[in-house]
């Protein structure tokens, strides 16, 4: 994720990553985690004239969280592929030889 991403791009990226692991029990935008993220973005929203450490810190935290969610998803898919490969190797070596 580029560090020059706008707040809107960060919000969309975080929501996209959360939606990948969502179970669908209630409306996605009404879930507590989504409400919390919206509230945090609204709370830290600044006008163009304002430039302070709070905005920078919130943006850095959002970028870090998005990177974390993306890397967790990649790790899980890689681990799943590796386990499939390991099980195939195990089957290959445990089959009786003719």
PDB file of N, CA and C in Angstrom:
ATOM      1  N   UNK A   1       0.842  -1.171   0.000  1.00  0.00           N
ATOM      2  CA  UNK A   1       0.000   0.000   0.000  1.00  0.00           C
ATOM      3  C   UNK A   1       0.885   1.231   0.000  1.00  0.00           C
ATOM      4  N   UNK A   2       0.714   2.131  -0.930  1.00  0.00           N
ATOM      5  CA  UNK A   2       1.539   3.334  -0.956  1.00  0.00           C
ATOM      6  C   UNK A   2       1.238   4.219   0.240  1.00  0.00           C
ATOM      7  N   UNK A   3       2.276   4.874   0.734  1.00  0.00           N
ATOM      8  CA  UNK A   3       2.101   5.703   1.918  1.00  0.00           C
ATOM      9  C   UNK A   3       1.404   7.016   1.615  1.00  0.00           C
ATOM     10  N   UNK A   4       1.219   7.356   0.359  1.00  0.00           N
ATOM     11  CA  UNK A   4       0.549   8.595  -0.002  1.00  0.00           C
ATOM     12  C   UNK A   4      -0.938   8.372  -0.281  1.00  0.00           C
ATOM     13  N   UNK A   5      -1.489   7.268   0.197  1.00  0.00           N
ATOM     14  CA  UNK A   5      -2.897   6.957  -0.050  1.00  0.00           C
ATOM     15  C   UNK A   5      -3.783   7.934   0.704  1.00  0.00           C
ATOM     16  N   UNK A   6      -4.891   8.282   0.076  1.00  0.00           N
ATOM     17  CA  UNK A   6      -5.823   9.188   0.735  1.00  0.00           C
ATOM     18  C   UNK A   6      -6.583   8.430   1.814  1.00  0.00           C
ATOM     19  N   UNK A   7      -7.253   9.179   2.675  1.00  0.00           N
ATOM     20  CA  UNK A   7      -8.045   8.568   3.730  1.00  0.00           C
ATOM     21  C   UNK A   7      -9.143   7.684   3.177  1.00  0.00           C
ATOM     22  N   UNK A   8      -9.747   8.116   2.084  1.00  0.00           N
ATOM     23  CA  UNK A   8     -10.821   7.329   1.471  1.00  0.00           C
ATOM     24  C   UNK A   8     -10.284   6.003   0.938  1.00  0.00           C
ATOM     25  N   UNK A   9      -9.101   6.035   0.314  1.00  0.00           N
ATOM     26  CA  UNK A   9      -8.502   4.800  -0.193  1.00  0.00           C
ATOM     27  C   UNK A   9      -8.160   3.847   0.948  1.00  0.00           C
ATOM     28  N   UNK A  10      -7.653   4.402   2.045  1.00  0.00           N
ATOM     29  CA  UNK A  10      -7.342   3.567   3.200  1.00  0.00           C
ATOM     30  C   UNK A  10      -8.601   2.930   3.770  1.00  0.00           C
ATOM     31  N   UNK A  11      -9.656   3.723   3.911  1.00  0.00           N
ATOM     32  CA  UNK A  11     -10.916   3.212   4.449  1.00  0.00           C
ATOM     33  C   UNK A  11     -11.462   2.097   3.566  1.00  0.00           C
ATOM     34  N   UNK A  12     -11.471   2.318   2.261  1.00  0.00           N
ATOM     35  CA  UNK A  12     -11.976   1.291   1.341  1.00  0.00           C
ATOM     36  C   UNK A  12     -11.129   0.022   1.403  1.00  0.00           C
ATOM     37  N   UNK A  13      -9.814   0.181   1.499  1.00  0.00           N
ATOM     38  CA  UNK A  13      -8.935  -0.981   1.578  1.00  0.00           C
ATOM     39  C   UNK A  13      -9.150  -1.784   2.853  1.00  0.00           C
ATOM     40  N   UNK A  14      -9.280  -1.093   3.983  1.00  0.00           N
ATOM     41  CA  UNK A  14      -9.521  -1.777   5.254  1.00  0.00           C
ATOM     42  C   UNK A  14     -10.850  -2.509   5.215  1.00  0.00           C
ATOM     43  N   UNK A  15     -11.894  -1.842   4.735  1.00  0.00           N
ATOM     44  CA  UNK A  15     -13.212  -2.480   4.670  1.00  0.00           C
ATOM     45  C   UNK A  15     -13.201  -3.683   3.724  1.00  0.00           C
ATOM     46  N   UNK A  16     -12.478  -3.584   2.619  1.00  0.00           N
ATOM     47  CA  UNK A  16     -12.385  -4.707   1.678  1.00  0.00           C
ATOM     48  C   UNK A  16     -11.727  -5.915   2.346  1.00  0.00           C
ATOM     49  N   UNK A  17     -10.655  -5.676   3.106  1.00  0.00           N
ATOM     50  CA  UNK A  17      -9.962  -6.782   3.769  1.00  0.00           C
ATOM     51  C   UNK A  17     -10.816  -7.400   4.872  1.00  0.00           C
ATOM     52  N   UNK A  18     -11.555  -6.574   5.597  1.00  0.00           N
ATOM     53  CA  UNK A  18     -12.432  -7.102   6.646  1.00  0.00           C
ATOM     54  C   UNK A  18     -13.556  -7.911   6.027  1.00  0.00           C
ATOM     55  N   UNK A  19     -14.062  -7.451   4.896  1.00  0.00           N
ATOM     56  CA  UNK A  19     -15.177  -8.143   4.246  1.00  0.00           C
ATOM     57  C   UNK A  19     -14.778  -9.545   3.786  1.00  0.00           C
ATOM     58  N   UNK A  20     -13.498  -9.763   3.481  1.00  0.00           N
ATOM     59  CA  UNK A  20     -13.031 -11.096   3.071  1.00  0.00           C
ATOM     60  C   UNK A  20     -13.265 -12.131   4.167  1.00  0.00           C
ATOM     61  N   UNK A  21     -13.174 -11.698   5.418  1.00  0.00           N
ATOM     62  CA  UNK A  21     -13.325 -12.654   6.518  1.00  0.00           C
ATOM     63  C   UNK A  21     -14.675 -12.529   7.214  1.00  0.00           C
ATOM     64  N   UNK A  22     -15.623 -11.834   6.608  1.00  0.00           N
ATOM     65  CA  UNK A  22     -16.920 -11.601   7.239  1.00  0.00           C
ATOM     66  C   UNK A  22     -17.815 -12.821   7.095  1.00  0.00           C
ATOM     67  N   UNK A  23     -18.569 -13.140   8.170  1.00  0.00           N
ATOM     68  CA  UNK A  23     -19.403 -14.337   8.161  1.00  0.00           C
ATOM     69  C   UNK A  23     -20.836 -14.089   7.698  1.00  0.00           C
ATOM     70  N   UNK A  24     -21.284 -12.853   7.574  1.00  0.00           N
ATOM     71  CA  UNK A  24     -22.585 -12.548   7.000  1.00  0.00           C
ATOM     72  C   UNK A  24     -23.771 -12.678   7.928  1.00  0.00           C
ATOM     73  N   UNK A  25     -23.581 -12.620   9.240  1.00  0.00           N
ATOM     74  CA  UNK A  25     -24.699 -12.775  10.160  1.00  0.00           C
ATOM     75  C   UNK A  25     -25.570 -11.529  10.254  1.00  0.00           C
ATOM     76  N   UNK A  26     -25.017 -10.365   9.974  1.00  0.00           N
ATOM     77  CA  UNK A  26     -25.806  -9.133   9.968  1.00  0.00           C
ATOM     78  C   UNK A  26     -25.309  -8.242   8.838  1.00  0.00           C
ATOM     79  N   UNK A  27     -26.016  -7.154   8.599  1.00  0.00           N
ATOM     80  CA  UNK A  27     -25.621  -6.235   7.533  1.00  0.00           C
ATOM     81  C   UNK A  27     -24.193  -5.765   7.804  1.00  0.00           C
ATOM     82  N   UNK A  28     -23.335  -5.857   6.788  1.00  0.00           N
ATOM     83  CA  UNK A  28     -21.904  -5.590   6.963  1.00  0.00           C
ATOM     84  C   UNK A  28     -21.648  -4.207   7.544  1.00  0.00           C
ATOM     85  N   UNK A  29     -22.358  -3.186   7.064  1.00  0.00           N
ATOM     86  CA  UNK A  29     -22.100  -1.823   7.537  1.00  0.00           C
ATOM     87  C   UNK A  29     -22.612  -1.581   8.948  1.00  0.00           C
ATOM     88  N   UNK A  30     -23.387  -2.501   9.498  1.00  0.00           N
ATOM     89  CA  UNK A  30     -23.911  -2.346  10.858  1.00  0.00           C
ATOM     90  C   UNK A  30     -23.108  -3.134  11.891  1.00  0.00           C
ATOM     91  N   UNK A  31     -22.084  -3.852  11.453  1.00  0.00           N
ATOM     92  CA  UNK A  31     -21.282  -4.622  12.401  1.00  0.00           C
ATOM     93  C   UNK A  31     -20.476  -3.679  13.289  1.00  0.00           C
ATOM     94  N   UNK A  32     -20.194  -4.083  14.522  1.00  0.00           N
ATOM     95  CA  UNK A  32     -19.455  -3.209  15.441  1.00  0.00           C
ATOM     96  C   UNK A  32     -18.078  -2.799  14.923  1.00  0.00           C
ATOM     97  N   UNK A  33     -17.374  -3.706  14.264  1.00  0.00           N
ATOM     98  CA  UNK A  33     -16.033  -3.361  13.787  1.00  0.00           C
ATOM     99  C   UNK A  33     -16.099  -2.295  12.690  1.00  0.00           C
ATOM    100  N   UNK A  34     -17.073  -2.390  11.801  1.00  0.00           N
ATOM    101  CA  UNK A  34     -17.208  -1.402  10.728  1.00  0.00           C
ATOM    102  C   UNK A  34     -17.642  -0.060  11.309  1.00  0.00           C
ATOM    103  N   UNK A  35     -18.565  -0.075  12.262  1.00  0.00           N
ATOM    104  CA  UNK A  35     -19.000   1.171  12.902  1.00  0.00           C
ATOM    105  C   UNK A  35     -17.813   1.845  13.593  1.00  0.00           C
ATOM    106  N   UNK A  36     -16.989   1.040  14.275  1.00  0.00           N
ATOM    107  CA  UNK A  36     -15.823   1.584  14.962  1.00  0.00           C
ATOM    108  C   UNK A  36     -14.861   2.238  13.973  1.00  0.00           C
ATOM    109  N   UNK A  37     -14.612   1.569  12.862  1.00  0.00           N
ATOM    110  CA  UNK A  37     -13.687   2.119  11.861  1.00  0.00           C
ATOM    111  C   UNK A  37     -14.239   3.415  11.278  1.00  0.00           C
ATOM    112  N   UNK A  38     -15.542   3.445  10.950  1.00  0.00           N
ATOM    113  CA  UNK A  38     -16.153   4.680  10.449  1.00  0.00           C
ATOM    114  C   UNK A  38     -16.029   5.803  11.477  1.00  0.00           C
ATOM    115  N   UNK A  39     -16.316   5.497  12.738  1.00  0.00           N
ATOM    116  CA  UNK A  39     -16.232   6.516  13.788  1.00  0.00           C
ATOM    117  C   UNK A  39     -14.813   7.042  13.944  1.00  0.00           C
ATOM    118  N   UNK A  40     -13.822   6.146  13.874  1.00  0.00           N
ATOM    119  CA  UNK A  40     -12.434   6.586  13.991  1.00  0.00           C
ATOM    120  C   UNK A  40     -12.034   7.486  12.821  1.00  0.00           C
ATOM    121  N   UNK A  41     -12.450   7.134  11.614  1.00  0.00           N
ATOM    122  CA  UNK A  41     -12.122   7.976  10.467  1.00  0.00           C
ATOM    123  C   UNK A  41     -12.815   9.330  10.571  1.00  0.00           C
ATOM    124  N   UNK A  42     -14.069   9.347  11.026  1.00  0.00           N
ATOM    125  CA  UNK A  42     -14.771  10.626  11.191  1.00  0.00           C
ATOM    126  C   UNK A  42     -14.118  11.469  12.279  1.00  0.00           C
ATOM    127  N   UNK A  43     -13.730  10.820  13.361  1.00  0.00           N
ATOM    128  CA  UNK A  43     -13.125  11.531  14.483  1.00  0.00           C
ATOM    129  C   UNK A  43     -11.790  12.166  14.087  1.00  0.00           C
ATOM    130  N   UNK A  44     -11.037  11.514  13.245  1.00  0.00           N
ATOM    131  CA  UNK A  44      -9.712  11.999  12.862  1.00  0.00           C
ATOM    132  C   UNK A  44      -9.699  12.768  11.549  1.00  0.00           C
ATOM    133  N   UNK A  45     -10.877  13.054  11.014  1.00  0.00           N
ATOM    134  CA  UNK A  45     -10.947  13.782   9.751  1.00  0.00           C
ATOM    135  C   UNK A  45     -10.565  15.249   9.978  1.00  0.00           C
ATOM    136  N   UNK A  46      -9.739  15.771   9.104  1.00  0.00           N
ATOM    137  CA  UNK A  46      -9.256  17.149   9.218  1.00  0.00           C
ATOM    138  C   UNK A  46      -9.634  17.945   7.974  1.00  0.00           C
ATOM    139  N   UNK A  47      -9.732  19.243   8.137  1.00  0.00           N
ATOM    140  CA  UNK A  47      -9.929  20.100   6.972  1.00  0.00           C
ATOM    141  C   UNK A  47      -8.581  20.321   6.306  1.00  0.00           C
ATOM    142  N   UNK A  48      -8.593  20.909   5.126  1.00  0.00           N
ATOM    143  CA  UNK A  48      -7.340  21.153   4.414  1.00  0.00           C
ATOM    144  C   UNK A  48      -6.442  22.127   5.166  1.00  0.00           C
ATOM    145  N   UNK A  49      -7.020  23.034   5.924  1.00  0.00           N
ATOM    146  CA  UNK A  49      -6.228  24.029   6.642  1.00  0.00           C
ATOM    147  C   UNK A  49      -5.530  23.425   7.863  1.00  0.00           C
ATOM    148  N   UNK A  50      -6.048  22.334   8.361  1.00  0.00           N
ATOM    149  CA  UNK A  50      -5.458  21.717   9.547  1.00  0.00           C
ATOM    150  C   UNK A  50      -4.441  20.657   9.130  1.00  0.00           C
ATOM    151  N   UNK A  51      -3.333  20.675   9.801  1.00  0.00           N
ATOM    152  CA  UNK A  51      -2.319  19.656   9.557  1.00  0.00           C
ATOM    153  C   UNK A  51      -1.641  19.400  10.888  1.00  0.00           C
ATOM    154  N   UNK A  52      -1.996  18.319  11.547  1.00  0.00           N
ATOM    155  CA  UNK A  52      -1.454  18.091  12.885  1.00  0.00           C
ATOM    156  C   UNK A  52      -0.992  16.646  13.037  1.00  0.00           C
ATOM    157  N   UNK A  53      -0.399  16.389  14.158  1.00  0.00           N
ATOM    158  CA  UNK A  53       0.141  15.056  14.423  1.00  0.00           C
ATOM    159  C   UNK A  53      -0.960  14.013  14.533  1.00  0.00           C
ATOM    160  N   UNK A  54      -2.138  14.399  15.013  1.00  0.00           N
ATOM    161  CA  UNK A  54      -3.222  13.426  15.178  1.00  0.00           C
ATOM    162  C   UNK A  54      -3.643  12.835  13.841  1.00  0.00           C
ATOM    163  N   UNK A  55      -3.732  13.672  12.810  1.00  0.00           N
ATOM    164  CA  UNK A  55      -4.094  13.167  11.487  1.00  0.00           C
ATOM    165  C   UNK A  55      -3.008  12.242  10.951  1.00  0.00           C
ATOM    166  N   UNK A  56      -1.753  12.654  11.105  1.00  0.00           N
ATOM    167  CA  UNK A  56      -0.645  11.835  10.623  1.00  0.00           C
ATOM    168  C   UNK A  56      -0.608  10.490  11.354  1.00  0.00           C
ATOM    169  N   UNK A  57      -0.807  10.528  12.663  1.00  0.00           N
ATOM    170  CA  UNK A  57      -0.796   9.295  13.447  1.00  0.00           C
ATOM    171  C   UNK A  57      -1.953   8.377  13.055  1.00  0.00           C
ATOM    172  N   UNK A  58      -3.128   8.950  12.841  1.00  0.00           N
ATOM    173  CA  UNK A  58      -4.288   8.142  12.445  1.00  0.00           C
ATOM    174  C   UNK A  58      -4.065   7.518  11.070  1.00  0.00           C
ATOM    175  N   UNK A  59      -3.488   8.271  10.151  1.00  0.00           N
ATOM    176  CA  UNK A  59      -3.216   7.743   8.811  1.00  0.00           C
ATOM    177  C   UNK A  59      -2.180   6.615   8.876  1.00  0.00           C
ATOM    178  N   UNK A  60      -1.147   6.810   9.666  1.00  0.00           N
ATOM    179  CA  UNK A  60      -0.122   5.778   9.817  1.00  0.00           C
ATOM    180  C   UNK A  60      -0.714   4.513  10.440  1.00  0.00           C
ATOM    181  N   UNK A  61      -1.571   4.688  11.440  1.00  0.00           N
ATOM    182  CA  UNK A  61      -2.221   3.540  12.071  1.00  0.00           C
ATOM    183  C   UNK A  61      -3.124   2.811  11.078  1.00  0.00           C
ATOM    184  N   UNK A  62      -3.860   3.558  10.267  1.00  0.00           N
ATOM    185  CA  UNK A  62      -4.740   2.944   9.266  1.00  0.00           C
ATOM    186  C   UNK A  62      -3.926   2.189   8.217  1.00  0.00           C
ATOM    187  N   UNK A  63      -2.816   2.770   7.760  1.00  0.00           N
ATOM    188  CA  UNK A  63      -1.960   2.087   6.783  1.00  0.00           C
ATOM    189  C   UNK A  63      -1.373   0.807   7.373  1.00  0.00           C
ATOM    190  N   UNK A  64      -0.969   0.875   8.633  1.00  0.00           N
ATOM    191  CA  UNK A  64      -0.414  -0.301   9.299  1.00  0.00           C
ATOM    192  C   UNK A  64      -1.459  -1.395   9.430  1.00  0.00           C
ATOM    193  N   UNK A  65      -2.687  -1.013   9.798  1.00  0.00           N
ATOM    194  CA  UNK A  65      -3.763  -1.984   9.957  1.00  0.00           C
ATOM    195  C   UNK A  65      -4.114  -2.632   8.620  1.00  0.00           C
ATOM    196  N   UNK A  66      -4.147  -1.833   7.561  1.00  0.00           N
ATOM    197  CA  UNK A  66      -4.429  -2.377   6.235  1.00  0.00           C
ATOM    198  C   UNK A  66      -3.329  -3.346   5.802  1.00  0.00           C
ATOM    199  N   UNK A  67      -2.080  -2.984   6.028  1.00  0.00           N
ATOM    200  CA  UNK A  67      -0.971  -3.891   5.706  1.00  0.00           C
ATOM    201  C   UNK A  67      -1.082  -5.188   6.502  1.00  0.00           C
ATOM    202  N   UNK A  68      -1.450  -5.073   7.778  1.00  0.00           N
ATOM    203  CA  UNK A  68      -1.609  -6.257   8.618  1.00  0.00           C
ATOM    204  C   UNK A  68      -2.696  -7.173   8.069  1.00  0.00           C
ATOM    205  N   UNK A  69      -3.860  -6.615   7.745  1.00  0.00           N
ATOM    206  CA  UNK A  69      -4.961  -7.430   7.228  1.00  0.00           C
ATOM    207  C   UNK A  69      -4.582  -8.105   5.911  1.00  0.00           C
ATOM    208  N   UNK A  70      -3.914  -7.364   5.036  1.00  0.00           N
ATOM    209  CA  UNK A  70      -3.491  -7.920   3.753  1.00  0.00           C
ATOM    210  C   UNK A  70      -2.486  -9.053   3.952  1.00  0.00           C
ATOM    211  N   UNK A  71      -1.534  -8.856   4.843  1.00  0.00           N
ATOM    212  CA  UNK A  71      -0.514  -9.876   5.077  1.00  0.00           C
ATOM    213  C   UNK A  71      -1.081 -11.117   5.752  1.00  0.00           C
ATOM    214  N   UNK A  72      -2.063 -10.937   6.637  1.00  0.00           N
ATOM    215  CA  UNK A  72      -2.699 -12.100   7.263  1.00  0.00           C
ATOM    216  C   UNK A  72      -3.403 -12.933   6.201  1.00  0.00           C
ATOM    217  N   UNK A  73      -4.119 -12.255   5.290  1.00  0.00           N
ATOM    218  CA  UNK A  73      -4.812 -12.983   4.226  1.00  0.00           C
ATOM    219  C   UNK A  73      -3.813 -13.735   3.348  1.00  0.00           C
ATOM    220  N   UNK A  74      -2.719 -13.091   2.972  1.00  0.00           N
ATOM    221  CA  UNK A  74      -1.693 -13.741   2.154  1.00  0.00           C
ATOM    222  C   UNK A  74      -1.058 -14.920   2.894  1.00  0.00           C
ATOM    223  N   UNK A  75      -0.813 -14.737   4.182  1.00  0.00           N
ATOM    224  CA  UNK A  75      -0.214 -15.811   4.975  1.00  0.00           C
ATOM    225  C   UNK A  75      -1.137 -17.024   5.030  1.00  0.00           C
ATOM    226  N   UNK A  76      -2.425 -16.782   5.237  1.00  0.00           N
ATOM    227  CA  UNK A  76      -3.373 -17.897   5.314  1.00  0.00           C
ATOM    228  C   UNK A  76      -3.477 -18.640   3.986  1.00  0.00           C
ATOM    229  N   UNK A  77      -3.477 -17.917   2.870  1.00  0.00           N
ATOM    230  CA  UNK A  77      -3.556 -18.598   1.574  1.00  0.00           C
ATOM    231  C   UNK A  77      -2.267 -19.367   1.288  1.00  0.00           C
ATOM    232  N   UNK A  78      -1.128 -18.803   1.659  1.00  0.00           N
ATOM    233  CA  UNK A  78       0.145 -19.497   1.466  1.00  0.00           C
ATOM    234  C   UNK A  78       0.219 -20.740   2.345  1.00  0.00           C
ATOM    235  N   UNK A  79      -0.213 -20.622   3.584  1.00  0.00           N
ATOM    236  CA  UNK A  79      -0.194 -21.770   4.492  1.00  0.00           C
ATOM    237  C   UNK A  79      -1.124 -22.866   3.989  1.00  0.00           C
ATOM    238  N   UNK A  80      -2.257 -22.479   3.438  1.00  0.00           N
ATOM    239  CA  UNK A  80      -3.199 -23.465   2.906  1.00  0.00           C
ATOM    240  C   UNK A  80      -2.586 -24.196   1.713  1.00  0.00           C
ATOM    241  N   UNK A  81      -1.947 -23.445   0.818  1.00  0.00           N
ATOM    242  CA  UNK A  81      -1.289 -24.073  -0.334  1.00  0.00           C
ATOM    243  C   UNK A  81      -0.166 -24.997   0.119  1.00  0.00           C
ATOM    244  N   UNK A  82       0.597 -24.560   1.116  1.00  0.00           N
ATOM    245  CA  UNK A  82       1.704 -25.369   1.616  1.00  0.00           C
ATOM    246  C   UNK A  82       1.191 -26.655   2.249  1.00  0.00           C
ATOM    247  N   UNK A  83       0.102 -26.576   2.993  1.00  0.00           N
ATOM    248  CA  UNK A  83      -0.429 -27.788   3.626  1.00  0.00           C
ATOM    249  C   UNK A  83      -0.935 -28.768   2.573  1.00  0.00           C
ATOM    250  N   UNK A  84      -1.516 -28.249   1.482  1.00  0.00           N
ATOM    251  CA  UNK A  84      -1.950 -29.135   0.406  1.00  0.00           C
ATOM    252  C   UNK A  84      -0.744 -29.816  -0.237  1.00  0.00           C
ATOM    253  N   UNK A  85       0.329 -29.073  -0.446  1.00  0.00           N
ATOM    254  CA  UNK A  85       1.540 -29.624  -1.041  1.00  0.00           C
ATOM    255  C   UNK A  85       2.158 -30.668  -0.116  1.00  0.00           C
ATOM    256  N   UNK A  86       2.168 -30.359   1.190  1.00  0.00           N
ATOM    257  CA  UNK A  86       2.734 -31.299   2.159  1.00  0.00           C
ATOM    258  C   UNK A  86       1.920 -32.585   2.203  1.00  0.00           C
ATOM    259  N   UNK A  87       0.604 -32.476   2.142  1.00  0.00           N
ATOM    260  CA  UNK A  87      -0.218 -33.689   2.197  1.00  0.00           C
ATOM    261  C   UNK A  87      -0.032 -34.526   0.930  1.00  0.00           C
ATOM    262  N   UNK A  88       0.142 -33.878  -0.223  1.00  0.00           N
ATOM    263  CA  UNK A  88       0.410 -34.628  -1.456  1.00  0.00           C
ATOM    264  C   UNK A  88       1.749 -35.348  -1.367  1.00  0.00           C
ATOM    265  N   UNK A  89       2.755 -34.689  -0.814  1.00  0.00           N
ATOM    266  CA  UNK A  89       4.070 -35.316  -0.653  1.00  0.00           C
ATOM    267  C   UNK A  89       3.975 -36.500   0.297  1.00  0.00           C
ATOM    268  N   UNK A  90       3.221 -36.320   1.356  1.00  0.00           N
ATOM    269  CA  UNK A  90       3.053 -37.397   2.326  1.00  0.00           C
ATOM    270  C   UNK A  90       2.380 -38.603   1.677  1.00  0.00           C
ATOM    271  N   UNK A  91       1.349 -38.360   0.892  1.00  0.00           N
ATOM    272  CA  UNK A  91       0.654 -39.446   0.203  1.00  0.00           C
ATOM    273  C   UNK A  91       1.590 -40.161  -0.777  1.00  0.00           C
ATOM    274  N   UNK A  92       2.429 -39.389  -1.443  1.00  0.00           N
ATOM    275  CA  UNK A  92       3.324 -39.963  -2.433  1.00  0.00           C
ATOM    276  C   UNK A  92       4.333 -40.917  -1.780  1.00  0.00           C
ATOM    277  N   UNK A  93       4.831 -40.558  -0.604  1.00  0.00           N
ATOM    278  CA  UNK A  93       5.838 -41.377   0.057  1.00  0.00           C
ATOM    279  C   UNK A  93       5.247 -42.486   0.914  1.00  0.00           C
ATOM    280  N   UNK A  94       3.974 -42.404   1.245  1.00  0.00           N
ATOM    281  CA  UNK A  94       3.375 -43.449   2.075  1.00  0.00           C
ATOM    282  C   UNK A  94       2.628 -44.492   1.266  1.00  0.00           C
ATOM    283  N   UNK A  95       2.498 -44.299  -0.032  1.00  0.00           N
ATOM    284  CA  UNK A  95       1.828 -45.290  -0.867  1.00  0.00           C
ATOM    285  C   UNK A  95       2.726 -46.512  -1.014  1.00  0.00           C
ATOM    286  N   UNK A  96       2.122 -47.701  -1.004  1.00  0.00           N
ATOM    287  CA  UNK A  96       2.938 -48.908  -1.187  1.00  0.00           C
ATOM    288  C   UNK A  96       3.544 -48.947  -2.590  1.00  0.00           C
ATOM    289  N   UNK A  97       4.758 -49.370  -2.652  1.00  0.00           N
ATOM    290  CA  UNK A  97       5.440 -49.455  -3.949  1.00  0.00           C
ATOM    291  C   UNK A  97       5.102 -50.772  -4.623  1.00  0.00           C
ATOM    292  N   UNK A  98       5.009 -50.739  -5.938  1.00  0.00           N
ATOM    293  CA  UNK A  98       4.656 -51.951  -6.690  1.00  0.00           C
ATOM    294  C   UNK A  98       5.891 -52.734  -7.053  1.00  0.00           C
TER     295      UNK A  98
END
